[in-house]
């Protein structure tokens, strides 16, 4: 989605400082805080999920694709594109906001994995999944 937005000629007006603060606050409180459990939209729920090694490889590939998509993008480029989040309460986010969402989303899952590992007294997956 971000690659497509950055490759598009369609650009938004760069948001002001107050809009960016509001965007960040929504991301921080809605994505960053794990107070609320949410159900993933059906289009992103995995079917026939891979084993651990396959999942780690898919994460590596996804990360490489994201890095390639933003490799030549400036901060202004990231601010000039926007796309709506699937959860309406999060709203429309700039490309920079989407990068924060990705980081918080991954952190959220890493914390879940640690909690599961601690609860089951097994090695935590983050020791095995150095990405």
Foldseek 3Di string as FASTA:
>chain_A
DLLVQLPDPQWADQDDPVVVVVLVVLLCVVLQDPPDDDDDPPVPDDDPDDPLVVVLVVVVVVVVVVCVSCVPPDPVSQRTGWDADPPPSSGIDGNVSVVSNVVSNVVVVLVVQVVVCVVVVHDRCCVVRDD
